C-alpha atoms as a PDB file:
ATOM      1  CA  MET A   1     -39.629  -2.419 -14.323  1.00  0.00           C
ATOM      2  CA  ARG A   2     -40.309   1.307 -14.647  1.00  0.00           C
ATOM      3  CA  ARG A   3     -43.897   0.811 -13.497  1.00  0.00           C
ATOM      4  CA  LEU A   4     -42.706  -1.017 -10.392  1.00  0.00           C
ATOM      5  CA  LEU A   5     -39.960   1.415  -9.404  1.00  0.00           C
ATOM      6  CA  PRO A   6     -42.133   3.991  -7.588  1.00  0.00           C
ATOM      7  CA  ALA A   7     -43.530   1.233  -5.371  1.00  0.00           C
ATOM      8  CA  VAL A   8     -40.073  -0.182  -4.788  1.00  0.00           C
ATOM      9  CA  LEU A   9     -38.712   3.224  -3.809  1.00  0.00           C
ATOM     10  CA  LEU A  10     -41.624   3.951  -1.500  1.00  0.00           C
ATOM     11  CA  ALA A  11     -41.310   0.596   0.243  1.00  0.00           C
ATOM     12  CA  LEU A  12     -37.554   1.056   0.610  1.00  0.00           C
ATOM     13  CA  ALA A  13     -37.929   4.588   1.957  1.00  0.00           C
ATOM     14  CA  LEU A  14     -40.471   3.424   4.535  1.00  0.00           C
ATOM     15  CA  ALA A  15     -38.266   0.517   5.562  1.00  0.00           C
ATOM     16  CA  VAL A  16     -35.235   2.770   5.995  1.00  0.00           C
ATOM     17  CA  ALA A  17     -37.228   5.360   7.933  1.00  0.00           C
ATOM     18  CA  SER A  18     -38.601   2.724  10.299  1.00  0.00           C
ATOM     19  CA  CYS A  19     -35.270   1.029  10.926  1.00  0.00           C
ATOM     20  CA  GLY A  20     -33.748   2.270  14.152  1.00  0.00           C
ATOM     21  CA  GLY A  21     -31.173  -0.438  14.743  1.00  0.00           C
ATOM     22  CA  ASP A  22     -28.142  -2.077  13.200  1.00  0.00           C
ATOM     23  CA  ASP A  23     -25.942   0.950  13.641  1.00  0.00           C
ATOM     24  CA  GLY A  24     -23.151   1.218  16.128  1.00  0.00           C
ATOM     25  CA  GLY A  25     -19.631   2.299  16.868  1.00  0.00           C
ATOM     26  CA  GLY A  26     -16.273   0.981  17.861  1.00  0.00           C
ATOM     27  CA  ASP A  27     -12.610   1.555  17.408  1.00  0.00           C
ATOM     28  CA  ASP A  28     -10.908   1.290  14.042  1.00  0.00           C
ATOM     29  CA  GLY A  29      -7.221   0.880  13.360  1.00  0.00           C
ATOM     30  CA  GLY A  30      -7.531   2.779  10.078  1.00  0.00           C
ATOM     31  CA  GLY A  31      -3.957   1.988   9.113  1.00  0.00           C
ATOM     32  CA  GLY A  32      -2.614   2.858  12.549  1.00  0.00           C
ATOM     33  CA  SER A  33      -2.911   6.660  12.501  1.00  0.00           C
ATOM     34  CA  THR A  34      -4.244   8.592  15.487  1.00  0.00           C
ATOM     35  CA  ALA A  35      -6.752  10.442  13.304  1.00  0.00           C
ATOM     36  CA  ALA A  36      -8.174   7.159  12.111  1.00  0.00           C
ATOM     37  CA  THR A  37      -9.103   6.071  15.665  1.00  0.00           C
ATOM     38  CA  SER A  38     -11.060   9.164  16.687  1.00  0.00           C
ATOM     39  CA  THR A  39     -14.761   9.790  16.153  1.00  0.00           C
ATOM     40  CA  SER A  40     -15.411  13.097  14.419  1.00  0.00           C
ATOM     41  CA  GLY A  41     -18.085  15.518  15.523  1.00  0.00           C
ATOM     42  CA  ASP A  42     -19.466  15.458  12.019  1.00  0.00           C
ATOM     43  CA  ALA A  43     -20.088  11.708  12.201  1.00  0.00           C
ATOM     44  CA  ALA A  44     -21.701  11.918  15.650  1.00  0.00           C
ATOM     45  CA  ALA A  45     -24.060  14.739  14.663  1.00  0.00           C
ATOM     46  CA  ALA A  46     -24.955  13.487  11.177  1.00  0.00           C
ATOM     47  CA  PRO A  47     -28.075  11.432  10.469  1.00  0.00           C
ATOM     48  CA  PRO A  48     -27.562   7.691   9.930  1.00  0.00           C
ATOM     49  CA  LEU A  49     -25.940   6.790   6.632  1.00  0.00           C
ATOM     50  CA  ARG A  50     -28.400   4.690   4.621  1.00  0.00           C
ATOM     51  CA  MET A  51     -26.374   2.074   2.750  1.00  0.00           C
ATOM     52  CA  GLY A  52     -27.859  -0.422   0.305  1.00  0.00           C
ATOM     53  CA  THR A  53     -26.474  -3.454  -1.481  1.00  0.00           C
ATOM     54  CA  LYS A  54     -27.305  -5.352  -4.630  1.00  0.00           C
ATOM     55  CA  ASN A  55     -28.885  -8.780  -4.463  1.00  0.00           C
ATOM     56  CA  PHE A  56     -26.123 -11.391  -4.495  1.00  0.00           C
ATOM     57  CA  PRO A  57     -23.646 -12.685  -1.894  1.00  0.00           C
ATOM     58  CA  GLU A  58     -20.572 -10.665  -2.861  1.00  0.00           C
ATOM     59  CA  ALA A  59     -22.595  -7.434  -2.914  1.00  0.00           C
ATOM     60  CA  VAL A  60     -24.034  -8.158   0.539  1.00  0.00           C
ATOM     61  CA  LEU A  61     -20.496  -8.902   1.763  1.00  0.00           C
ATOM     62  CA  LEU A  62     -19.290  -5.555   0.394  1.00  0.00           C
ATOM     63  CA  GLY A  63     -22.060  -3.799   2.291  1.00  0.00           C
ATOM     64  CA  GLU A  64     -20.959  -5.498   5.496  1.00  0.00           C
ATOM     65  CA  LEU A  65     -17.313  -4.593   4.914  1.00  0.00           C
ATOM     66  CA  TYR A  66     -17.971  -0.900   4.365  1.00  0.00           C
ATOM     67  CA  SER A  67     -20.681  -0.552   7.016  1.00  0.00           C
ATOM     68  CA  GLN A  68     -18.756  -2.356   9.756  1.00  0.00           C
ATOM     69  CA  ALA A  69     -15.613  -0.310   9.091  1.00  0.00           C
ATOM     70  CA  LEU A  70     -17.633   2.905   9.229  1.00  0.00           C
ATOM     71  CA  ARG A  71     -19.368   1.878  12.452  1.00  0.00           C
ATOM     72  CA  ALA A  72     -15.972   1.155  13.963  1.00  0.00           C
ATOM     73  CA  LYS A  73     -15.249   4.845  13.373  1.00  0.00           C
ATOM     74  CA  GLY A  74     -18.439   5.947  15.059  1.00  0.00           C
ATOM     75  CA  VAL A  75     -20.515   6.502  11.919  1.00  0.00           C
ATOM     76  CA  ARG A  76     -24.101   5.373  12.338  1.00  0.00           C
ATOM     77  CA  VAL A  77     -25.035   3.154   9.378  1.00  0.00           C
ATOM     78  CA  VAL A  78     -28.360   1.596   8.460  1.00  0.00           C
ATOM     79  CA  LEU A  79     -27.598  -1.285   6.103  1.00  0.00           C
ATOM     80  CA  LYS A  80     -30.289  -2.439   3.671  1.00  0.00           C
ATOM     81  CA  PRO A  81     -29.060  -5.559   1.824  1.00  0.00           C
ATOM     82  CA  ASN A  82     -30.451  -7.360  -1.220  1.00  0.00           C
ATOM     83  CA  ILE A  83     -32.270  -4.408  -2.783  1.00  0.00           C
ATOM     84  CA  GLY A  84     -31.878  -5.489  -6.400  1.00  0.00           C
ATOM     85  CA  SER A  85     -29.933  -5.055  -9.612  1.00  0.00           C
ATOM     86  CA  SER A  86     -28.019  -1.915 -10.621  1.00  0.00           C
ATOM     87  CA  GLU A  87     -31.034  -0.544 -12.437  1.00  0.00           C
ATOM     88  CA  ILE A  88     -33.175  -0.778  -9.281  1.00  0.00           C
ATOM     89  CA  ILE A  89     -30.684   0.212  -6.584  1.00  0.00           C
ATOM     90  CA  HIS A  90     -29.408   3.201  -8.545  1.00  0.00           C
ATOM     91  CA  GLU A  91     -32.994   4.435  -8.824  1.00  0.00           C
ATOM     92  CA  ALA A  92     -33.282   4.064  -5.042  1.00  0.00           C
ATOM     93  CA  LEU A  93     -30.143   6.173  -4.635  1.00  0.00           C
ATOM     94  CA  THR A  94     -31.182   8.933  -7.020  1.00  0.00           C
ATOM     95  CA  GLY A  95     -34.725   8.863  -5.647  1.00  0.00           C
ATOM     96  CA  GLY A  96     -33.429   9.687  -2.169  1.00  0.00           C
ATOM     97  CA  ALA A  97     -34.121   6.375  -0.413  1.00  0.00           C
ATOM     98  CA  LEU A  98     -30.384   5.596  -0.049  1.00  0.00           C
ATOM     99  CA  ASP A  99     -27.230   7.621   0.545  1.00  0.00           C
ATOM    100  CA  ILE A 100     -24.590   5.154  -0.653  1.00  0.00           C
ATOM    101  CA  TYR A 101     -24.099   1.699  -2.152  1.00  0.00           C
ATOM    102  CA  PRO A 102     -21.138  -0.304  -3.582  1.00  0.00           C
ATOM    103  CA  GLU A 103     -21.283  -0.523  -7.388  1.00  0.00           C
ATOM    104  CA  TYR A 104     -19.373  -2.218 -10.190  1.00  0.00           C
ATOM    105  CA  ILE A 105     -17.970   0.467 -12.477  1.00  0.00           C
ATOM    106  CA  GLY A 106     -18.427  -1.349 -15.797  1.00  0.00           C
ATOM    107  CA  VAL A 107     -22.086  -2.123 -15.095  1.00  0.00           C
ATOM    108  CA  LEU A 108     -22.654   1.442 -13.900  1.00  0.00           C
ATOM    109  CA  LEU A 109     -21.384   2.731 -17.236  1.00  0.00           C
ATOM    110  CA  SER A 110     -23.112   0.261 -19.543  1.00  0.00           C
ATOM    111  CA  GLU A 111     -26.441  -0.269 -17.787  1.00  0.00           C
ATOM    112  CA  VAL A 112     -27.055   2.991 -15.898  1.00  0.00           C
ATOM    113  CA  ALA A 113     -25.109   5.615 -17.871  1.00  0.00           C
ATOM    114  CA  ASN A 114     -25.857   3.764 -21.137  1.00  0.00           C
ATOM    115  CA  ASP A 115     -22.202   4.179 -22.172  1.00  0.00           C
ATOM    116  CA  ARG A 116     -20.982   1.146 -24.128  1.00  0.00           C
ATOM    117  CA  SER A 117     -17.756   2.764 -25.374  1.00  0.00           C
ATOM    118  CA  ARG A 118     -15.563   0.588 -23.123  1.00  0.00           C
ATOM    119  CA  PRO A 119     -12.766   2.918 -21.882  1.00  0.00           C
ATOM    120  CA  GLY A 120      -9.298   1.557 -22.536  1.00  0.00           C
ATOM    121  CA  ASP A 121      -8.258   1.002 -18.922  1.00  0.00           C
ATOM    122  CA  PRO A 122      -9.906   0.781 -15.479  1.00  0.00           C
ATOM    123  CA  ARG A 123      -8.888   4.295 -14.433  1.00  0.00           C
ATOM    124  CA  ALA A 124     -10.419   5.767 -17.565  1.00  0.00           C
ATOM    125  CA  ALA A 125     -13.617   3.848 -16.808  1.00  0.00           C
ATOM    126  CA  TYR A 126     -13.534   5.157 -13.240  1.00  0.00           C
ATOM    127  CA  ARG A 127     -13.162   8.743 -14.427  1.00  0.00           C
ATOM    128  CA  ALA A 128     -16.049   8.337 -16.875  1.00  0.00           C
ATOM    129  CA  ALA A 129     -18.318   6.817 -14.217  1.00  0.00           C
ATOM    130  CA  LYS A 130     -17.390   9.488 -11.687  1.00  0.00           C
ATOM    131  CA  ALA A 131     -18.102  12.257 -14.182  1.00  0.00           C
ATOM    132  CA  PHE A 132     -21.508  10.716 -14.920  1.00  0.00           C
ATOM    133  CA  GLU A 133     -22.434  10.614 -11.226  1.00  0.00           C
ATOM    134  CA  GLU A 134     -21.151  14.118 -10.524  1.00  0.00           C
ATOM    135  CA  ARG A 135     -23.446  15.576 -13.160  1.00  0.00           C
ATOM    136  CA  ASN A 136     -26.354  14.440 -10.989  1.00  0.00           C
ATOM    137  CA  GLY A 137     -25.256  15.311  -7.449  1.00  0.00           C
ATOM    138  CA  PHE A 138     -23.407  12.092  -6.637  1.00  0.00           C
ATOM    139  CA  THR A 139     -19.828  10.899  -6.848  1.00  0.00           C
ATOM    140  CA  LEU A 140     -17.634   7.810  -6.567  1.00  0.00           C
ATOM    141  CA  LEU A 141     -15.261   7.072  -3.723  1.00  0.00           C
ATOM    142  CA  GLY A 142     -12.015   5.161  -4.345  1.00  0.00           C
ATOM    143  CA  MET A 143     -12.129   1.955  -6.379  1.00  0.00           C
ATOM    144  CA  THR A 144     -10.931  -1.505  -5.389  1.00  0.00           C
ATOM    145  CA  PRO A 145      -7.875  -3.315  -6.778  1.00  0.00           C
ATOM    146  CA  PHE A 146     -10.059  -6.354  -7.566  1.00  0.00           C
ATOM    147  CA  SER A 147     -12.307  -6.583 -10.599  1.00  0.00           C
ATOM    148  CA  ASP A 148     -15.215  -9.007 -10.515  1.00  0.00           C
ATOM    149  CA  SER A 149     -16.013  -9.170 -14.205  1.00  0.00           C
ATOM    150  CA  ASN A 150     -18.888 -10.993 -15.824  1.00  0.00           C
ATOM    151  CA  ALA A 151     -17.987 -14.059 -17.868  1.00  0.00           C
ATOM    152  CA  LEU A 152     -19.501 -17.101 -19.535  1.00  0.00           C
ATOM    153  CA  ALA A 153     -18.549 -20.482 -18.081  1.00  0.00           C
ATOM    154  CA  VAL A 154     -19.035 -23.959 -19.527  1.00  0.00           C
ATOM    155  CA  THR A 155     -18.036 -27.385 -18.295  1.00  0.00           C
ATOM    156  CA  PRO A 156     -14.779 -28.867 -19.615  1.00  0.00           C
ATOM    157  CA  GLU A 157     -16.782 -31.643 -21.286  1.00  0.00           C
ATOM    158  CA  PHE A 158     -18.981 -29.177 -23.182  1.00  0.00           C
ATOM    159  CA  ALA A 159     -15.924 -27.146 -24.212  1.00  0.00           C
ATOM    160  CA  ARG A 160     -14.159 -30.242 -25.584  1.00  0.00           C
ATOM    161  CA  GLU A 161     -17.245 -31.522 -27.370  1.00  0.00           C
ATOM    162  CA  HIS A 162     -17.703 -28.267 -29.296  1.00  0.00           C
ATOM    163  CA  ASP A 163     -14.089 -27.038 -29.371  1.00  0.00           C
ATOM    164  CA  LEU A 164     -14.892 -23.871 -27.430  1.00  0.00           C
ATOM    165  CA  ARG A 165     -12.297 -21.280 -26.411  1.00  0.00           C
ATOM    166  CA  THR A 166     -14.011 -17.928 -27.011  1.00  0.00           C
ATOM    167  CA  ILE A 167     -17.563 -16.626 -26.904  1.00  0.00           C
ATOM    168  CA  ALA A 168     -17.547 -16.445 -30.711  1.00  0.00           C
ATOM    169  CA  ASP A 169     -17.147 -20.248 -30.840  1.00  0.00           C
ATOM    170  CA  LEU A 170     -20.690 -20.653 -29.495  1.00  0.00           C
ATOM    171  CA  ARG A 171     -21.905 -20.029 -33.048  1.00  0.00           C
ATOM    172  CA  ARG A 172     -20.699 -23.531 -33.935  1.00  0.00           C
ATOM    173  CA  VAL A 173     -22.855 -25.252 -31.327  1.00  0.00           C
ATOM    174  CA  PRO A 174     -25.850 -26.954 -32.997  1.00  0.00           C
ATOM    175  CA  GLY A 175     -29.287 -25.837 -31.912  1.00  0.00           C
ATOM    176  CA  THR A 176     -29.911 -23.462 -29.023  1.00  0.00           C
ATOM    177  CA  VAL A 177     -27.289 -22.615 -26.414  1.00  0.00           C
ATOM    178  CA  ARG A 178     -29.019 -22.216 -23.061  1.00  0.00           C
ATOM    179  CA  ILE A 179     -27.334 -19.672 -20.769  1.00  0.00           C
ATOM    180  CA  GLY A 180     -28.227 -19.763 -17.082  1.00  0.00           C
ATOM    181  CA  ALA A 181     -28.259 -16.164 -15.866  1.00  0.00           C
ATOM    182  CA  PRO A 182     -30.170 -13.688 -13.711  1.00  0.00           C
ATOM    183  CA  PRO A 183     -33.264 -12.171 -15.358  1.00  0.00           C
ATOM    184  CA  GLU A 184     -31.587  -8.838 -16.179  1.00  0.00           C
ATOM    185  CA  PHE A 185     -29.022 -10.645 -18.370  1.00  0.00           C
ATOM    186  CA  ALA A 186     -31.653 -10.872 -21.128  1.00  0.00           C
ATOM    187  CA  THR A 187     -31.925  -7.090 -21.499  1.00  0.00           C
ATOM    188  CA  ARG A 188     -28.396  -5.904 -20.692  1.00  0.00           C
ATOM    189  CA  PHE A 189     -25.580  -5.026 -23.031  1.00  0.00           C
ATOM    190  CA  GLU A 190     -23.401  -7.028 -20.627  1.00  0.00           C
ATOM    191  CA  GLY A 191     -25.657  -9.925 -21.502  1.00  0.00           C
ATOM    192  CA  LEU A 192     -27.758 -11.069 -24.423  1.00  0.00           C
ATOM    193  CA  VAL A 193     -27.801  -7.638 -26.101  1.00  0.00           C
ATOM    194  CA  GLY A 194     -24.011  -7.424 -26.288  1.00  0.00           C
ATOM    195  CA  LEU A 195     -23.610 -11.079 -27.270  1.00  0.00           C
ATOM    196  CA  ARG A 196     -25.858 -10.507 -30.262  1.00  0.00           C
ATOM    197  CA  GLN A 197     -24.449  -7.100 -31.221  1.00  0.00           C
ATOM    198  CA  ARG A 198     -20.731  -7.889 -30.935  1.00  0.00           C
ATOM    199  CA  TYR A 199     -20.659 -11.614 -31.717  1.00  0.00           C
ATOM    200  CA  GLY A 200     -23.719 -11.985 -33.909  1.00  0.00           C
ATOM    201  CA  LEU A 201     -24.975 -14.828 -31.747  1.00  0.00           C
ATOM    202  CA  ARG A 202     -28.538 -15.741 -32.636  1.00  0.00           C
ATOM    203  CA  ASN A 203     -28.547 -19.243 -31.182  1.00  0.00           C
ATOM    204  CA  VAL A 204     -28.232 -18.177 -27.519  1.00  0.00           C
ATOM    205  CA  HIS A 205     -31.145 -17.837 -25.120  1.00  0.00           C
ATOM    206  CA  THR A 206     -31.333 -17.312 -21.387  1.00  0.00           C
ATOM    207  CA  THR A 207     -32.771 -19.441 -18.628  1.00  0.00           C
ATOM    208  CA  ALA A 208     -33.558 -17.100 -15.721  1.00  0.00           C
ATOM    209  CA  LEU A 209     -31.911 -18.263 -12.495  1.00  0.00           C
ATOM    210  CA  ALA A 210     -31.197 -16.617  -9.170  1.00  0.00           C
ATOM    211  CA  ILE A 211     -27.550 -15.639  -8.803  1.00  0.00           C
ATOM    212  CA  GLY A 212     -25.652 -18.610  -7.363  1.00  0.00           C
ATOM    213  CA  ARG A 213     -27.960 -21.281  -8.774  1.00  0.00           C
ATOM    214  CA  GLN A 214     -26.417 -21.246 -12.232  1.00  0.00           C
ATOM    215  CA  TYR A 215     -23.583 -23.571 -11.184  1.00  0.00           C
ATOM    216  CA  ALA A 216     -25.897 -26.386 -10.107  1.00  0.00           C
ATOM    217  CA  ALA A 217     -27.864 -25.986 -13.328  1.00  0.00           C
ATOM    218  CA  LEU A 218     -24.633 -26.135 -15.342  1.00  0.00           C
ATOM    219  CA  ASP A 219     -23.398 -29.221 -13.497  1.00  0.00           C
ATOM    220  CA  ALA A 220     -26.744 -30.976 -14.021  1.00  0.00           C
ATOM    221  CA  GLY A 221     -26.888 -30.142 -17.738  1.00  0.00           C
ATOM    222  CA  ARG A 222     -30.018 -28.012 -17.424  1.00  0.00           C
ATOM    223  CA  VAL A 223     -28.095 -25.177 -19.117  1.00  0.00           C
ATOM    224  CA  ASP A 224     -25.149 -25.250 -21.530  1.00  0.00           C
ATOM    225  CA  ALA A 225     -23.368 -22.151 -20.234  1.00  0.00           C
ATOM    226  CA  ALA A 226     -23.641 -19.929 -17.198  1.00  0.00           C
ATOM    227  CA  ALA A 227     -23.194 -16.224 -16.588  1.00  0.00           C
ATOM    228  CA  VAL A 228     -20.720 -16.015 -13.706  1.00  0.00           C
ATOM    229  CA  PHE A 229     -18.588 -13.524 -11.810  1.00  0.00           C
ATOM    230  CA  THR A 230     -14.836 -14.010 -11.982  1.00  0.00           C
ATOM    231  CA  THR A 231     -14.445 -13.839  -8.187  1.00  0.00           C
ATOM    232  CA  ASP A 232     -17.140 -16.467  -7.526  1.00  0.00           C
ATOM    233  CA  GLY A 233     -16.127 -18.864  -4.780  1.00  0.00           C
ATOM    234  CA  GLN A 234     -17.314 -21.807  -6.899  1.00  0.00           C
ATOM    235  CA  LEU A 235     -14.500 -21.151  -9.374  1.00  0.00           C
ATOM    236  CA  SER A 236     -11.919 -21.855  -6.668  1.00  0.00           C
ATOM    237  CA  ARG A 237     -13.058 -25.432  -6.037  1.00  0.00           C
ATOM    238  CA  LYS A 238     -14.202 -26.916  -9.337  1.00  0.00           C
ATOM    239  CA  ARG A 239     -12.737 -26.424 -12.766  1.00  0.00           C
ATOM    240  CA  TYR A 240     -14.920 -24.632 -15.266  1.00  0.00           C
ATOM    241  CA  VAL A 241     -13.869 -23.164 -18.602  1.00  0.00           C
ATOM    242  CA  LEU A 242     -14.280 -19.393 -18.838  1.00  0.00           C
ATOM    243  CA  LEU A 243     -14.782 -18.424 -22.473  1.00  0.00           C
ATOM    244  CA  GLU A 244     -12.532 -15.627 -23.693  1.00  0.00           C
ATOM    245  CA  ASP A 245     -14.215 -12.347 -24.636  1.00  0.00           C
ATOM    246  CA  PRO A 246     -12.013 -10.746 -27.345  1.00  0.00           C
ATOM    247  CA  ARG A 247     -14.729  -8.287 -28.439  1.00  0.00           C
ATOM    248  CA  GLY A 248     -15.228  -6.838 -24.974  1.00  0.00           C
ATOM    249  CA  VAL A 249     -18.856  -7.440 -24.115  1.00  0.00           C
ATOM    250  CA  PHE A 250     -17.865  -7.861 -20.473  1.00  0.00           C
ATOM    251  CA  ALA A 251     -15.971  -4.892 -19.059  1.00  0.00           C
ATOM    252  CA  ALA A 252     -13.629  -4.729 -16.078  1.00  0.00           C
ATOM    253  CA  GLN A 253     -15.694  -4.483 -12.898  1.00  0.00           C
ATOM    254  CA  HIS A 254     -13.766  -2.730 -10.170  1.00  0.00           C
ATOM    255  CA  VAL A 255     -15.966  -1.635  -7.278  1.00  0.00           C
ATOM    256  CA  ALA A 256     -16.449   1.886  -5.959  1.00  0.00           C
ATOM    257  CA  PRO A 257     -19.088   3.182  -3.547  1.00  0.00           C
ATOM    258  CA  VAL A 258     -21.539   5.595  -5.169  1.00  0.00           C
ATOM    259  CA  VAL A 259     -22.482   8.283  -2.648  1.00  0.00           C
ATOM    260  CA  SER A 260     -24.578  11.421  -2.556  1.00  0.00           C
ATOM    261  CA  ARG A 261     -22.780  14.720  -2.099  1.00  0.00           C
ATOM    262  CA  ALA A 262     -25.242  15.524   0.686  1.00  0.00           C
ATOM    263  CA  ALA A 263     -24.039  12.473   2.634  1.00  0.00           C
ATOM    264  CA  LEU A 264     -20.415  13.499   2.083  1.00  0.00           C
ATOM    265  CA  ARG A 265     -21.139  16.942   3.477  1.00  0.00           C
ATOM    266  CA  ALA A 266     -23.020  15.499   6.459  1.00  0.00           C
ATOM    267  CA  HIS A 267     -20.348  12.971   7.449  1.00  0.00           C
ATOM    268  CA  GLY A 268     -17.235  14.910   6.519  1.00  0.00           C
ATOM    269  CA  PRO A 269     -13.915  13.530   5.220  1.00  0.00           C
ATOM    270  CA  GLN A 270     -14.113  10.560   7.575  1.00  0.00           C
ATOM    271  CA  LEU A 271     -16.599   8.807   5.304  1.00  0.00           C
ATOM    272  CA  THR A 272     -14.224   8.955   2.345  1.00  0.00           C
ATOM    273  CA  GLN A 273     -11.164   8.020   4.411  1.00  0.00           C
ATOM    274  CA  VAL A 274     -12.720   4.910   5.921  1.00  0.00           C
ATOM    275  CA  ALA A 275     -14.372   3.676   2.718  1.00  0.00           C
ATOM    276  CA  ASP A 276     -11.162   4.194   0.749  1.00  0.00           C
ATOM    277  CA  ALA A 277      -9.148   2.310   3.377  1.00  0.00           C
ATOM    278  CA  VAL A 278     -11.481  -0.675   2.962  1.00  0.00           C
ATOM    279  CA  SER A 279     -11.413  -0.499  -0.826  1.00  0.00           C
ATOM    280  CA  ARG A 280      -7.604  -0.502  -0.973  1.00  0.00           C
ATOM    281  CA  ARG A 281      -7.487  -3.860   0.798  1.00  0.00           C
ATOM    282  CA  LEU A 282     -10.012  -5.653  -1.412  1.00  0.00           C
ATOM    283  CA  THR A 283      -7.720  -7.592  -3.721  1.00  0.00           C
ATOM    284  CA  ALA A 284      -8.845 -10.420  -6.010  1.00  0.00           C
ATOM    285  CA  PRO A 285      -7.361 -13.187  -3.769  1.00  0.00           C
ATOM    286  CA  ALA A 286      -9.031 -11.679  -0.705  1.00  0.00           C
ATOM    287  CA  MET A 287     -12.408 -11.548  -2.430  1.00  0.00           C
ATOM    288  CA  ARG A 288     -12.148 -15.106  -3.733  1.00  0.00           C
ATOM    289  CA  ARG A 289     -11.363 -16.358  -0.217  1.00  0.00           C
ATOM    290  CA  MET A 290     -14.273 -14.466   1.305  1.00  0.00           C
ATOM    291  CA  ASN A 291     -16.681 -15.537  -1.446  1.00  0.00           C
ATOM    292  CA  ALA A 292     -15.655 -19.160  -0.955  1.00  0.00           C
ATOM    293  CA  ALA A 293     -16.372 -18.781   2.761  1.00  0.00           C
ATOM    294  CA  LEU A 294     -19.858 -17.535   1.912  1.00  0.00           C
ATOM    295  CA  VAL A 295     -20.982 -19.967  -0.766  1.00  0.00           C
ATOM    296  CA  LEU A 296     -18.921 -23.080  -0.040  1.00  0.00           C
ATOM    297  CA  GLU A 297     -18.640 -22.967   3.751  1.00  0.00           C
ATOM    298  CA  GLY A 298     -22.020 -21.371   4.401  1.00  0.00           C
ATOM    299  CA  ARG A 299     -20.697 -18.601   6.625  1.00  0.00           C
ATOM    300  CA  GLU A 300     -22.656 -15.399   7.205  1.00  0.00           C
ATOM    301  CA  PRO A 301     -21.513 -12.204   5.420  1.00  0.00           C
ATOM    302  CA  ARG A 302     -21.375 -10.307   8.720  1.00  0.00           C
ATOM    303  CA  ALA A 303     -18.956 -12.813  10.270  1.00  0.00           C
ATOM    304  CA  VAL A 304     -16.751 -13.039   7.164  1.00  0.00           C
ATOM    305  CA  ALA A 305     -16.510  -9.239   6.952  1.00  0.00           C
ATOM    306  CA  ASP A 306     -15.741  -8.926  10.669  1.00  0.00           C
ATOM    307  CA  GLU A 307     -12.870 -11.412  10.421  1.00  0.00           C
ATOM    308  CA  PHE A 308     -11.372  -9.688   7.382  1.00  0.00           C
ATOM    309  CA  LEU A 309     -11.592  -6.195   8.876  1.00  0.00           C
ATOM    310  CA  ARG A 310      -9.979  -7.289  12.130  1.00  0.00           C
ATOM    311  CA  GLN A 311      -7.133  -8.976  10.298  1.00  0.00           C
ATOM    312  CA  ALA A 312      -6.677  -5.818   8.209  1.00  0.00           C
ATOM    313  CA  LYS A 313      -6.722  -3.695  11.403  1.00  0.00           C
ATOM    314  CA  LEU A 314      -9.707  -1.725  10.163  1.00  0.00           C
ATOM    315  CA  LYS A 315     -11.834  -2.673  13.163  1.00  0.00           C
END
């Protein structure tokens, strides 16, 4: 991965530099205040805000939510979706190819900051992640009420057959337990590394799958368990068993935009105000509904975000 990163960053920088569209303005309710409906001089004069997203549907949706709300305030935003995992997109941010992207706090700590201490509550995790970013010229904006944690899911039949309730119970399964997961799961603490360190699991191996395809593989029996997100739309329609994680491999995953201090200076307080207003409205039920619209109804992230923001009077 390290050998590929310079090429990835160069390609991303060139793509961002050549992109002249997909930024615009509009009015924004912003909670109903007069200040929230005006376009600041800072936003009008600043260069476009280069926003990236990670490479799965909820992350792309988050990019649309934040970017559309900002455009409604007159901030010019260039949105670059589907860049890659935390390890890749954070390198793009620190390398100067991006100004901002929505990140999951637990993954930021464990996989970017290499901090596996697991703070006792979400606010402590937020403070630790913010301190890490601020040591390097970045910071976190406000975090969401929802937490989209990682989890392991199995079918009810598989759980009954092997009497599974917790991740530790996987040790009793004969042979190899195949876990359908994205490629980075094999090298992450919030993945195979943590499962082996904290649960002593030696009978688990990963089958690399694109995010979203693990459910079909689980249903068809091609894998025994699947790495999932707790706000996945698939979990709202079909019953799966989420294995309990008493030893805390999978941390709480509230979302907060990571942003460069240079971008904050360029765009003024409006950037923080608008992003925080969006974050405050992203509850777990709201995210599950929007994710279901994406993956089960086949709707486009842009349309789902637009509908939500209008209903929330943020656009």
